Amino acid sequence: MKASLKPRYEARAKILKAMAHPSRLLIIEELQKQERCVNELTEMVGADTSTVSKHLTVLKSAGLVADERRANCIYYRLRCPCILDFMGCVEDVLAANADEHKKIMKGCKK
């Protein structure tokens, strides 16, 4: 790999690693609908506040979410809602894989 390309791929990997957890994917999808405070996300994720806060820190560090303090609560929002376009692509891959597995299974039943 060219040394000049390495930072680009490392930056991309950081974003993908930040997304690589079911709770963080849920948080991203919920923030796409509207901004949320930590308490709302904690209830949705079904984990304790410290765990959700750690997930949010990972997402914020990767540049996926931004936060804003209002009174006693911190509200989070997606910085780039287009990240959900990527999720649509992931769903397409899952569907294609499911179709391929169906074909394989049909061949096994003969």
Protein backbone atom coordinates (compact mmCIF):
# COMPACT_ATOMS: atom_id res chain seq x y z
CA MET A 1 0.00 0.00 0.00
CA LYS A 2 1.26 3.46 -0.83
CA ALA A 3 2.20 5.44 2.25
CA SER A 4 0.10 8.34 0.98
CA LEU A 5 -3.06 6.17 1.02
CA LYS A 6 -2.55 4.64 4.46
CA PRO A 7 -4.06 7.56 6.46
CA ARG A 8 -7.22 7.44 4.34
CA TYR A 9 -7.73 3.72 4.94
CA GLU A 10 -6.93 4.07 8.63
CA ALA A 11 -9.54 6.84 8.95
CA ARG A 12 -12.13 4.69 7.17
CA ALA A 13 -11.30 1.72 9.39
CA LYS A 14 -11.77 3.87 12.51
CA ILE A 15 -15.30 4.76 11.41
CA LEU A 16 -16.18 1.17 10.54
CA LYS A 17 -14.74 -0.10 13.85
CA ALA A 18 -16.82 2.47 15.73
CA MET A 19 -19.94 1.14 14.03
CA ALA A 20 -19.04 -2.51 14.64
CA HIS A 21 -21.24 -3.14 17.67
CA PRO A 22 -24.98 -3.90 17.78
CA SER A 23 -25.68 -1.26 20.43
CA ARG A 24 -23.85 1.41 18.47
CA LEU A 25 -25.77 0.49 15.32
CA LEU A 26 -29.01 0.91 17.26
CA ILE A 27 -27.83 4.27 18.57
CA ILE A 28 -26.99 5.43 15.04
CA GLU A 29 -30.42 4.38 13.76
CA GLU A 30 -32.19 6.11 16.64
CA LEU A 31 -30.19 9.31 16.18
CA GLN A 32 -31.16 9.30 12.52
CA LYS A 33 -34.77 9.74 13.63
CA GLN A 34 -34.04 12.57 16.05
CA GLU A 35 -31.51 13.77 18.58
CA ARG A 36 -31.62 11.96 21.89
CA CYS A 37 -30.31 12.44 25.40
CA VAL A 38 -28.22 9.79 27.11
CA ASN A 39 -31.13 8.70 29.32
CA GLU A 40 -33.35 7.99 26.29
CA LEU A 41 -30.60 6.02 24.59
CA THR A 42 -29.88 4.08 27.77
CA GLU A 43 -33.49 2.92 27.90
CA MET A 44 -33.49 2.00 24.19
CA VAL A 45 -30.22 0.08 24.33
CA GLY A 46 -31.15 -1.67 27.58
CA ALA A 47 -27.77 -1.12 29.21
CA ASP A 48 -26.55 1.02 32.08
CA THR A 49 -25.71 4.69 31.54
CA SER A 50 -21.95 4.19 31.77
CA THR A 51 -21.99 1.56 29.02
CA VAL A 52 -24.09 3.73 26.71
CA SER A 53 -21.84 6.70 27.46
CA LYS A 54 -18.82 4.62 26.41
CA HIS A 55 -20.55 3.67 23.17
CA LEU A 56 -21.33 7.34 22.53
CA THR A 57 -17.70 8.27 23.22
CA VAL A 58 -16.56 5.77 20.58
CA LEU A 59 -19.05 7.17 18.06
CA LYS A 60 -18.06 10.74 18.88
CA SER A 61 -14.35 9.95 18.62
CA ALA A 62 -14.95 8.55 15.14
CA GLY A 63 -16.81 11.72 14.15
CA LEU A 64 -20.16 10.01 13.72
CA VAL A 65 -22.04 11.92 16.43
CA ALA A 66 -21.93 15.36 17.99
CA ASP A 67 -23.16 16.34 21.43
CA GLU A 68 -24.61 19.40 23.09
CA ARG A 69 -25.16 19.98 26.79
CA ARG A 70 -28.54 21.39 27.75
CA ALA A 71 -29.23 21.87 31.43
CA ASN A 72 -28.47 18.51 33.10
CA CYS A 73 -28.56 16.38 29.97
CA ILE A 74 -26.29 15.84 26.99
CA TYR A 75 -28.06 15.48 23.66
CA TYR A 76 -26.55 13.56 20.76
CA ARG A 77 -27.19 13.85 17.03
CA LEU A 78 -25.72 12.31 13.90
CA ARG A 79 -23.12 14.52 12.26
CA CYS A 80 -23.62 12.92 8.83
CA PRO A 81 -27.01 11.21 8.43
CA CYS A 82 -25.82 9.79 5.10
CA ILE A 83 -24.15 7.03 7.13
CA LEU A 84 -27.54 5.30 6.96
CA ASP A 85 -27.06 4.95 3.19
CA PHE A 86 -24.23 2.59 4.06
CA MET A 87 -26.63 0.61 6.25
CA GLY A 88 -28.89 0.19 3.24
CA CYS A 89 -25.95 -1.30 1.37
CA VAL A 90 -25.28 -3.67 4.29
CA GLU A 91 -28.93 -4.80 4.13
CA ASP A 92 -28.51 -5.44 0.38
CA VAL A 93 -25.48 -7.66 1.11
CA LEU A 94 -27.47 -9.56 3.75
CA ALA A 95 -30.32 -10.11 1.29
CA ALA A 96 -27.94 -11.28 -1.45
CA ASN A 97 -26.27 -13.68 0.98
CA ALA A 98 -29.67 -15.04 2.06
CA ASP A 99 -30.62 -15.65 -1.57
CA GLU A 100 -27.34 -17.47 -2.18
CA HIS A 101 -27.82 -19.63 0.92
CA LYS A 102 -31.34 -20.56 -0.27
CA LYS A 103 -29.90 -21.74 -3.59
CA ILE A 104 -27.25 -23.77 -1.81
CA MET A 105 -29.83 -25.35 0.51
CA LYS A 106 -32.08 -26.28 -2.43
CA GLY A 107 -29.11 -28.11 -3.98
CA CYS A 108 -28.49 -30.01 -0.74
CA LYS A 109 -32.07 -31.31 -0.49
CA LYS A 110 -31.89 -33.24 -3.77
